Amino acid sequence: MPFTISQFNAAIADAARPNQFTISFTPPSGVTIPNAGILCKAAAIPGLTIGVIEVPLQGGRRMKLPGDRTFAEWTATFIADQSHGLRTGFEKWMAGIVNFNFDTAAKASGQVTGEYKQTIVVQQLNSNGSSLTGGTYTLKEAFPTDISQIDLSYDTTDTIEEFTVTFQYTYYS
């Protein structure tokens, strides 16, 4: 069906912008992660996959049925502050899950006194800074599983340090 340029302009005027977002979460008690929402450079709307179950039929054909929903890991990129408070906070959170002595209970580590699984909220914003309708994703029971390295080099003079944190979560709403 043909459309006019003015129809396209009207439709695209409400297009979501990938650089308009915010994230928020409360770390476990005993952990301080300063300015995470401000220093988050990049994040993503979480992915979703429905698995496929193939049922063999006579004649060699296969019938495909929907399987379980799985939620992909979620990664955010952060700007490192000079005090390394942000990165240290994520490291402390992870140490509370499994510390370097391989104690698996958060309370046994003595570093994280609260529940290590937390809620992360990812909001896509409009140009006025308000949350988009349908643009809020709440990641339930999230916890960090990977903190990337920070590359240091004399060759990089006009950049700031960044690192990524990968989270696992049970589901999102």
Protein backbone atom coordinates (compact mmCIF):
# COMPACT_ATOMS: atom_id res chain seq x y z
CA MET A 1 0.00 0.00 0.00
CA PRO A 2 1.56 3.32 -1.03
CA PHE A 3 2.11 6.09 1.49
CA THR A 4 3.04 9.74 1.33
CA ILE A 5 6.09 11.49 2.72
CA SER A 6 3.90 13.39 5.20
CA GLN A 7 2.48 10.07 6.49
CA PHE A 8 6.02 8.76 6.94
CA ASN A 9 7.12 11.96 8.72
CA ALA A 10 4.13 11.74 11.07
CA ALA A 11 4.91 8.09 11.88
CA ILE A 12 8.64 8.63 12.41
CA ALA A 13 8.15 11.73 14.61
CA ASP A 14 7.28 9.39 17.49
CA ALA A 15 10.20 7.04 16.87
CA ALA A 16 12.09 5.86 19.94
CA ARG A 17 15.69 7.01 20.28
CA PRO A 18 18.33 4.51 21.48
CA ASN A 19 20.31 7.23 23.29
CA GLN A 20 17.38 8.19 25.54
CA PHE A 21 17.38 5.71 28.44
CA THR A 22 18.08 5.24 32.11
CA ILE A 23 18.76 2.27 34.33
CA SER A 24 18.18 1.96 38.05
CA PHE A 25 18.67 -0.67 40.72
CA THR A 26 19.37 -1.00 44.40
CA PRO A 27 22.44 -3.12 45.17
CA PRO A 28 22.34 -5.64 48.01
CA SER A 29 22.70 -4.23 51.51
CA GLY A 30 26.34 -3.78 52.41
CA VAL A 31 27.25 -2.81 48.82
CA THR A 32 27.53 0.75 47.52
CA ILE A 33 27.52 1.37 43.77
CA PRO A 34 27.69 5.16 43.29
CA ASN A 35 26.19 6.89 40.24
CA ALA A 36 25.45 3.68 38.29
CA GLY A 37 22.47 5.25 36.52
CA ILE A 38 24.47 8.35 35.59
CA LEU A 39 27.65 6.53 34.51
CA CYS A 40 25.84 3.88 32.44
CA LYS A 41 26.99 4.59 28.89
CA ALA A 42 25.14 1.77 27.13
CA ALA A 43 22.52 -0.82 27.95
CA ALA A 44 19.94 -2.83 26.03
CA ILE A 45 16.32 -3.76 26.05
CA PRO A 46 16.54 -7.42 27.07
CA GLY A 47 16.14 -10.19 24.52
CA LEU A 48 13.67 -13.06 24.64
CA THR A 49 13.76 -16.46 22.96
CA ILE A 50 11.17 -19.20 22.72
CA GLY A 51 12.77 -22.58 22.24
CA VAL A 52 11.54 -25.08 19.67
CA ILE A 53 10.65 -28.71 20.32
CA GLU A 54 10.83 -30.88 17.22
CA VAL A 55 8.56 -33.91 17.28
CA PRO A 56 9.42 -36.59 14.68
CA LEU A 57 6.51 -37.82 12.56
CA GLN A 58 6.12 -40.71 10.17
CA GLY A 59 7.79 -40.16 6.82
CA GLY A 60 10.75 -38.26 8.30
CA ARG A 61 8.92 -34.97 8.80
CA ARG A 62 9.16 -32.99 12.00
CA MET A 63 6.47 -30.95 13.68
CA LYS A 64 7.75 -27.88 15.50
CA LEU A 65 6.14 -26.86 18.80
CA PRO A 66 6.93 -23.89 21.03
CA GLY A 67 9.14 -24.74 24.00
CA ASP A 68 10.29 -22.82 27.04
CA ARG A 69 10.93 -19.09 27.12
CA THR A 70 14.53 -18.24 27.89
CA PHE A 71 15.91 -14.85 28.79
CA ALA A 72 19.31 -13.85 27.42
CA GLU A 73 21.98 -12.36 29.66
CA TRP A 74 21.90 -8.58 29.96
CA THR A 75 24.96 -6.35 29.64
CA ALA A 76 25.54 -2.70 30.49
CA THR A 77 28.60 -0.54 29.81
CA PHE A 78 29.77 1.86 32.50
CA ILE A 79 32.23 4.75 32.56
CA ALA A 80 34.88 4.16 35.22
CA ASP A 81 35.21 6.87 37.85
CA GLN A 82 38.67 7.79 39.20
CA SER A 83 37.91 6.34 42.64
CA HIS A 84 36.84 3.06 41.00
CA GLY A 85 33.86 3.12 43.37
CA LEU A 86 31.49 1.89 40.67
CA ARG A 87 33.63 -1.08 39.66
CA THR A 88 34.52 -1.90 43.27
CA GLY A 89 30.81 -1.97 44.11
CA PHE A 90 30.13 -4.55 41.40
CA GLU A 91 33.16 -6.57 42.53
CA LYS A 92 31.86 -6.55 46.12
CA TRP A 93 28.40 -7.64 44.91
CA MET A 94 29.98 -10.58 43.07
CA ALA A 95 32.22 -11.45 46.04
CA GLY A 96 29.07 -11.66 48.15
CA ILE A 97 27.70 -14.33 45.83
CA VAL A 98 30.88 -16.41 45.67
CA ASN A 99 33.90 -14.89 47.34
CA PHE A 100 37.50 -15.61 46.49
CA ASN A 101 37.65 -18.33 49.15
CA PHE A 102 34.85 -20.13 47.26
CA ASP A 103 32.24 -19.69 50.00
CA THR A 104 28.96 -19.80 48.09
CA ALA A 105 26.65 -18.31 50.70
CA ALA A 106 26.35 -14.54 50.61
CA LYS A 107 26.13 -14.30 54.40
CA ALA A 108 29.18 -16.56 54.87
CA SER A 109 31.35 -14.12 52.93
CA GLY A 110 30.69 -11.34 55.41
CA GLN A 111 30.60 -8.80 52.57
CA VAL A 112 26.98 -8.81 51.46
CA THR A 113 24.41 -9.06 54.20
CA GLY A 114 21.29 -8.87 52.04
CA GLU A 115 19.85 -10.87 49.19
CA TYR A 116 22.22 -10.89 46.20
CA LYS A 117 19.44 -11.03 43.58
CA GLN A 118 18.04 -7.59 42.85
CA THR A 119 15.66 -5.85 40.45
CA ILE A 120 17.04 -3.77 37.58
CA VAL A 121 14.79 -1.31 35.75
CA VAL A 122 15.60 -0.24 32.19
CA GLN A 123 13.53 2.70 30.94
CA GLN A 124 13.47 4.15 27.49
CA LEU A 125 12.78 7.89 27.55
CA ASN A 126 11.25 10.39 25.18
CA SER A 127 12.92 13.69 24.26
CA ASN A 128 11.42 15.33 27.37
CA GLY A 129 12.99 12.75 29.69
CA SER A 130 9.72 10.99 30.49
CA SER A 131 9.38 7.21 30.33
CA LEU A 132 7.90 5.90 27.09
CA THR A 133 4.65 3.99 27.34
CA GLY A 134 5.63 0.33 27.14
CA GLY A 135 9.31 1.27 27.32
CA THR A 136 10.01 0.06 30.87
CA TYR A 137 11.57 -3.37 31.43
CA THR A 138 12.00 -4.74 34.94
CA LEU A 139 14.60 -7.51 35.20
CA LYS A 140 13.69 -9.72 38.16
CA GLU A 141 16.19 -11.53 40.39
CA ALA A 142 19.22 -10.07 38.59
CA PHE A 143 22.83 -10.48 39.67
CA PRO A 144 26.20 -9.76 38.03
CA THR A 145 28.14 -12.67 36.55
CA ASP A 146 30.94 -10.94 34.65
CA ILE A 147 32.88 -7.70 34.91
CA SER A 148 35.05 -7.00 31.88
CA GLN A 149 38.66 -5.98 32.02
CA ILE A 150 39.71 -2.36 31.62
CA ASP A 151 42.43 -2.02 29.02
CA LEU A 152 45.32 0.27 29.97
CA SER A 153 47.71 1.59 27.34
CA TYR A 154 49.97 4.55 26.67
CA ASP A 155 48.43 4.67 23.18
CA THR A 156 44.99 5.70 24.41
CA THR A 157 45.24 9.35 25.37
CA ASP A 158 41.88 10.81 24.37
CA THR A 159 39.52 8.25 25.87
CA ILE A 160 38.00 7.44 29.22
CA GLU A 161 37.96 4.05 30.89
CA GLU A 162 34.92 1.85 30.39
CA PHE A 163 33.91 -1.61 31.51
CA THR A 164 30.93 -3.86 31.00
CA VAL A 165 28.95 -5.82 33.54
CA THR A 166 26.96 -8.87 32.47
CA PHE A 167 23.91 -9.85 34.50
CA GLN A 168 21.78 -12.96 34.64
CA TYR A 169 18.12 -12.67 35.63
CA THR A 170 15.17 -14.99 36.00
CA TYR A 171 12.63 -13.09 33.87
CA TYR A 172 11.50 -9.60 32.98
CA SER A 173 8.16 -7.83 33.04
